[in-house]
Protein backbone atom coordinates (compact mmCIF):
# COMPACT_ATOMS: atom_id res chain seq x y z
CA MET A 1 -5.98 16.37 20.19
CA THR A 2 -3.84 13.10 18.39
CA VAL A 3 -0.63 15.22 16.48
CA ILE A 4 0.19 13.86 13.38
CA GLU A 5 3.17 14.54 11.24
CA HIS A 6 2.03 16.09 7.47
CA ARG A 7 4.96 16.11 5.37
CA VAL A 8 3.94 17.95 2.49
CA GLU A 9 6.55 18.03 0.11
CA THR A 10 4.58 19.90 -2.49
CA ASP A 11 0.85 21.49 -2.42
CA ARG A 12 0.68 20.78 -6.39
CA ALA A 13 0.55 17.26 -5.21
CA ILE A 14 -2.73 17.09 -2.92
CA THR A 15 -5.35 15.93 -4.50
CA PRO A 16 -9.12 17.06 -3.08
CA ASP A 17 -10.94 13.51 -3.43
CA TYR A 18 -8.59 11.73 -1.42
CA SER A 19 -5.67 13.71 0.36
CA GLY A 20 -7.75 16.29 0.73
CA ARG A 21 -10.96 15.10 2.41
CA LYS A 22 -11.38 15.77 6.01
CA PHE A 23 -13.72 13.73 7.63
CA THR A 24 -16.14 16.04 10.04
CA GLU A 25 -17.45 14.91 14.10
CA GLU A 26 -20.75 13.95 12.03
CA GLN A 27 -19.52 12.12 9.60
CA ILE A 28 -17.30 10.15 11.77
CA ALA A 29 -19.84 8.99 14.11
CA GLN A 30 -21.84 8.31 10.71
CA GLY A 31 -18.81 5.53 9.73
CA VAL A 32 -17.97 7.34 6.85
CA HIS A 33 -14.35 7.29 7.57
CA ARG A 34 -14.83 3.62 6.87
CA LYS A 35 -16.88 3.22 3.42
CA PHE A 36 -14.35 5.88 2.20
CA ILE A 37 -11.63 3.70 2.42
CA GLY A 38 -14.10 1.37 0.49
CA GLY A 39 -15.88 -0.58 3.79
CA HIS A 40 -15.34 -4.46 5.14
CA TRP A 41 -14.21 -2.92 8.33
CA ASP A 42 -15.33 -6.40 10.45
CA GLY A 43 -13.45 -8.66 8.41
CA HIS A 44 -10.91 -7.35 5.47
CA GLY A 45 -8.62 -6.24 8.16
CA GLN A 46 -7.88 -9.20 10.39
CA HIS A 47 -7.94 -11.45 6.95
CA GLN A 48 -5.10 -8.79 5.74
CA VAL A 49 -3.22 -10.06 9.20
CA GLU A 50 -3.73 -13.31 8.77
CA PHE A 51 -2.28 -13.57 5.01
CA LEU A 52 0.58 -12.01 6.87
CA THR A 53 1.27 -14.13 9.55
CA ASP A 54 0.81 -17.58 6.74
CA HIS A 55 3.25 -15.71 4.80
CA GLY A 56 6.30 -14.94 7.75
CA LEU A 57 4.80 -11.80 9.49
CA ARG A 58 5.79 -12.71 13.32
CA PRO A 59 5.73 -10.13 16.21
CA GLN A 60 9.29 -8.95 16.51
CA HIS A 61 9.32 -7.75 12.87
CA LYS A 62 9.17 -4.39 11.90
CA PHE A 63 6.13 -4.03 9.61
CA LEU A 64 5.12 -0.95 7.27
CA ASP A 65 1.49 -0.66 5.98
CA VAL A 66 1.27 1.71 2.61
CA GLY A 67 -1.89 3.32 2.97
CA CYS A 68 -2.69 2.87 5.96
CA GLY A 69 -6.58 4.80 6.61
CA ALA A 70 -7.85 4.33 9.34
CA PHE A 71 -6.16 1.34 10.72
CA ARG A 72 -8.79 -1.12 8.94
CA ALA A 73 -5.46 -3.66 9.74
CA GLY A 74 -3.25 -1.67 11.32
CA ARG A 75 -5.44 -1.96 14.68
CA HIS A 76 -5.17 -6.13 13.65
CA PHE A 77 -1.22 -5.41 13.26
CA VAL A 78 -0.91 -3.46 16.02
CA ASP A 79 -2.24 -6.41 18.61
CA LEU A 80 -0.13 -8.77 16.36
CA LEU A 81 2.99 -6.92 16.13
CA GLU A 82 5.78 -6.05 19.63
CA ARG A 83 4.97 -2.24 20.83
CA GLY A 84 6.20 0.64 18.30
CA HIS A 85 7.08 -2.25 15.53
CA TYR A 86 4.03 -1.02 13.60
CA TYR A 87 4.05 1.56 10.99
CA GLY A 88 1.75 3.59 8.66
CA ILE A 89 1.98 6.09 5.66
CA ASP A 90 -0.96 7.51 4.31
CA ALA A 91 -1.91 10.89 1.80
CA ASN A 92 -4.92 11.63 3.79
CA LEU A 93 -3.99 13.52 7.08
CA SER A 94 -7.36 13.35 8.68
CA LEU A 95 -8.08 9.56 7.93
CA ILE A 96 -5.22 8.90 10.02
CA GLU A 97 -6.26 11.37 12.74
CA THR A 98 -9.34 10.01 12.84
CA GLY A 99 -8.62 5.89 12.87
CA TYR A 100 -6.14 6.51 15.78
CA GLU A 101 -8.71 8.54 17.89
CA VAL A 102 -11.95 6.57 17.37
CA GLU A 103 -10.64 3.01 15.91
CA LEU A 104 -8.17 2.16 18.27
CA THR A 105 -8.40 1.59 21.99
CA ASP A 106 -6.16 3.05 24.60
CA GLU A 107 -3.74 -0.46 24.89
CA GLN A 108 -3.45 -0.48 21.43
CA ARG A 109 -2.27 3.23 20.74
CA ALA A 110 -0.02 2.73 23.76
CA LYS A 111 1.76 0.41 21.53
CA LEU A 112 1.14 2.93 18.57
CA PRO A 113 3.54 5.73 19.12
CA THR A 114 2.05 8.86 17.17
CA GLU A 115 5.89 9.30 15.83
CA ASN A 116 5.43 5.77 13.65
CA LEU A 117 2.78 7.69 11.35
CA ARG A 118 2.93 9.80 8.83
CA ALA A 119 0.64 11.70 5.90
CA ASN A 120 2.36 12.31 2.65
CA ASP A 121 1.51 12.32 -0.80
CA ARG A 122 4.69 10.39 -1.70
CA PHE A 123 5.18 6.92 -0.13
CA ASP A 124 7.91 8.74 2.54
CA ALA A 125 8.56 5.83 4.97
CA ASN A 126 11.42 7.07 5.67
CA PHE A 127 11.49 6.20 9.78
CA GLY A 128 15.21 5.67 10.00
CA VAL A 129 13.78 2.03 10.69
CA LYS A 130 14.71 -1.08 7.95
CA PHE A 131 11.32 -2.71 7.67
CA ASP A 132 11.18 -7.06 7.95
CA TYR A 133 7.65 -6.56 6.10
CA ALA A 134 4.70 -3.84 3.88
CA ILE A 135 1.66 -3.71 2.44
CA ALA A 136 -0.31 -1.55 0.08
CA GLN A 137 -3.84 -3.09 0.38
CA SER A 138 -5.97 -1.26 -2.80
CA VAL A 139 -3.39 1.22 -2.97
CA PHE A 140 -2.06 0.00 -7.06
CA THR A 141 -5.89 -0.40 -7.31
CA HIS A 142 -6.17 3.74 -7.35
CA VAL A 143 -3.02 5.44 -8.77
CA SER A 144 -0.76 5.35 -11.86
CA LEU A 145 2.41 3.83 -12.88
CA ASN A 146 4.56 6.62 -12.56
CA HIS A 147 2.97 6.48 -8.29
CA MET A 148 3.61 2.26 -8.70
CA ARG A 149 7.58 3.60 -9.42
CA LEU A 150 7.65 6.16 -6.70
CA CYS A 151 6.40 4.05 -4.45
CA LEU A 152 8.63 0.47 -5.12
CA ASN A 153 11.61 3.03 -5.26
CA ARG A 154 11.17 4.27 -1.56
CA VAL A 155 9.99 1.58 0.30
CA SER A 156 13.06 -0.03 -1.68
CA ARG A 157 15.19 2.27 0.43
CA VAL A 158 14.03 1.15 4.04
CA MET A 159 13.58 -2.24 3.63
CA ARG A 160 15.80 -5.17 5.01
CA PRO A 161 17.74 -7.29 2.06
CA GLY A 162 15.24 -10.35 1.79
CA GLY A 163 12.46 -8.33 3.18
CA LYS A 164 9.00 -8.63 1.63
CA PHE A 165 6.11 -6.21 0.25
CA TYR A 166 3.08 -7.46 -0.83
CA VAL A 167 0.84 -5.40 -3.03
CA THR A 168 -2.86 -5.43 -4.27
CA PHE A 169 -3.95 -4.92 -7.71
CA PHE A 170 -6.95 -5.06 -9.91
CA GLU A 171 -5.56 -7.61 -12.64
CA GLN A 172 -6.61 -6.87 -16.80
CA PRO A 173 -6.57 -10.77 -18.10
CA PRO A 174 -3.72 -11.40 -20.76
CA GLY A 175 -4.82 -10.20 -24.02
CA THR A 176 -7.37 -8.21 -23.17
CA ARG A 177 -7.74 -5.21 -26.24
CA LEU A 178 -6.25 -1.62 -25.04
CA ASP A 179 -8.88 0.23 -26.76
CA LYS A 180 -11.75 -1.95 -25.27
CA ILE A 181 -14.37 0.42 -23.76
CA THR A 182 -16.14 -1.14 -20.25
CA ALA A 183 -19.38 0.23 -19.42
CA ILE A 184 -20.10 1.01 -15.66
CA ARG A 185 -23.50 0.11 -14.49
CA LYS A 186 -23.86 2.52 -12.04
CA GLY A 187 -24.97 5.66 -14.28
CA GLY A 188 -24.14 4.00 -17.19
CA ARG A 189 -20.99 5.83 -18.46
CA PRO A 190 -19.07 4.57 -20.40
CA LEU A 191 -14.89 3.87 -19.48
CA LEU A 192 -11.99 4.16 -21.64
CA SER A 193 -9.57 1.54 -20.76
CA GLU A 194 -6.62 4.13 -21.13
CA GLN A 195 -8.75 6.80 -18.95
CA ASN A 196 -8.94 3.92 -16.49
CA VAL A 197 -5.86 2.79 -13.47
CA PHE A 198 -7.80 1.04 -11.66
CA TRP A 199 -6.37 -2.15 -13.48
CA TYR A 200 -3.33 -3.31 -14.74
CA PHE A 201 -1.70 -6.10 -16.24
CA ARG A 202 0.31 -8.62 -14.29
CA SER A 203 3.10 -8.09 -17.12
CA ASP A 204 2.89 -4.09 -15.60
CA LEU A 205 3.63 -5.41 -11.99
CA GLN A 206 6.21 -7.07 -12.24
CA TRP A 207 7.67 -3.90 -14.58
CA VAL A 208 7.71 -1.38 -12.05
CA ALA A 209 9.56 -3.62 -9.80
CA GLY A 210 13.08 -2.44 -12.08
CA PHE A 211 12.55 0.62 -10.32
CA GLY A 212 13.17 -0.97 -6.43
CA ALA A 213 15.98 -3.26 -5.70
CA TRP A 214 13.21 -5.97 -6.25
CA LYS A 215 12.18 -9.42 -7.21
CA PHE A 216 8.99 -10.16 -8.13
CA ARG A 217 6.75 -12.59 -7.79
CA TYR A 218 2.86 -12.87 -8.44
CA ILE A 219 0.75 -15.11 -6.26
CA GLY A 220 -2.82 -13.93 -7.10
CA ASP A 221 -6.21 -15.21 -5.67
CA TRP A 222 -5.94 -14.71 -1.68
CA GLY A 223 -10.11 -13.84 -0.97
CA HIS A 224 -9.88 -10.14 -1.26
CA PRO A 225 -13.68 -9.39 -1.25
CA ASN A 226 -13.31 -7.61 -4.71
CA GLY A 227 -10.66 -9.76 -6.52
CA GLN A 228 -7.85 -7.96 -5.97
CA LYS A 229 -4.66 -10.24 -7.26
CA MET A 230 -1.84 -10.06 -4.96
CA VAL A 231 2.31 -9.89 -5.84
CA GLU A 232 5.10 -9.99 -3.62
CA TYR A 233 8.30 -7.77 -3.91
CA THR A 234 11.42 -9.45 -2.22
CA ARG A 235 14.06 -7.01 -1.32
CA LEU A 236 17.20 -7.88 -3.05
CA PRO A 237 20.53 -7.65 -1.05
CA ASP A 238 22.68 -4.98 -0.46
CA SER A 239 25.58 -4.43 -3.04
CA GLY A 240 26.68 -0.94 -1.42
CA LYS A 241 24.32 1.75 -3.73
CA LEU A 242 21.00 1.71 -4.26
CA GLY A 243 21.52 2.51 -7.76
CA ASP A 244 23.67 -0.94 -8.39
CA ASN A 245 20.48 -2.88 -6.97
CA ILE A 246 17.73 -1.73 -8.82
CA LYS A 247 20.42 -2.08 -12.35
CA ARG A 248 20.23 -5.50 -10.87
CA GLY A 249 17.19 -5.88 -10.49
CA ARG A 250 16.39 -4.29 -14.18
CA ARG A 251 18.45 -7.40 -14.98
CA TRP A 252 16.71 -9.94 -13.60
CA LEU A 253 13.58 -8.61 -15.17
CA ALA A 254 14.79 -8.08 -18.44
CA ARG A 255 15.90 -12.47 -18.49
CA LYS A 256 12.29 -13.10 -16.87
CA ILE A 257 10.96 -10.79 -19.29
CA TYR A 258 12.85 -11.54 -22.45
CA PRO A 259 14.76 -14.09 -21.72
CA ALA A 260 17.60 -15.72 -24.62
């Protein structure tokens, strides 16, 4: 049986609807674990690899998959990368275990040691290596701004200077009223804007960059099947201390958002 590290920092962090969800053998046989992460199983994983390779990812790079799930994209990244160069974290242990046992081939498992995988609710990506590239696909579409800040802070600590972290999100158009009420088609239940953690303004994604040593760049459309937009965070050069880098990032953001 596959044994994946489950690093729980506090039981209060576990959310039953996601990180606490476990899949039965019957559900796995029915592909429920695939639907759980949003479907689009056959094409969207490969699309992520094509996007990253177009932006410089090569087999020799160390790569971190934040929210790796059941390896919809991970199986393709494992094929591309050198042995042991793919790393993945996800809040749900059952998803990682299921993906490793069911969705990977023997050849892919040989290239992906279980030591490169971890279940954790708080973006602990410290595997003792520095990464060149990372992606968080359909992660920021389900979390709060505080989660985003935590993610960028922790991933910043394990990225090489100049490393690229690509993040997707649902973008709300500039000028959207903050008291907007959205009509949800399924069931017809209205959703208040302040209760919706599924969309953010572009400036929100720019603001959270200041809580790690990051430079922000908006990419926008990249062919996501549900219209998620893409942003790029580039790890700023080391200046001795992470705190100094964060201060530099905040100053850079301040100049961009509030130019003199």
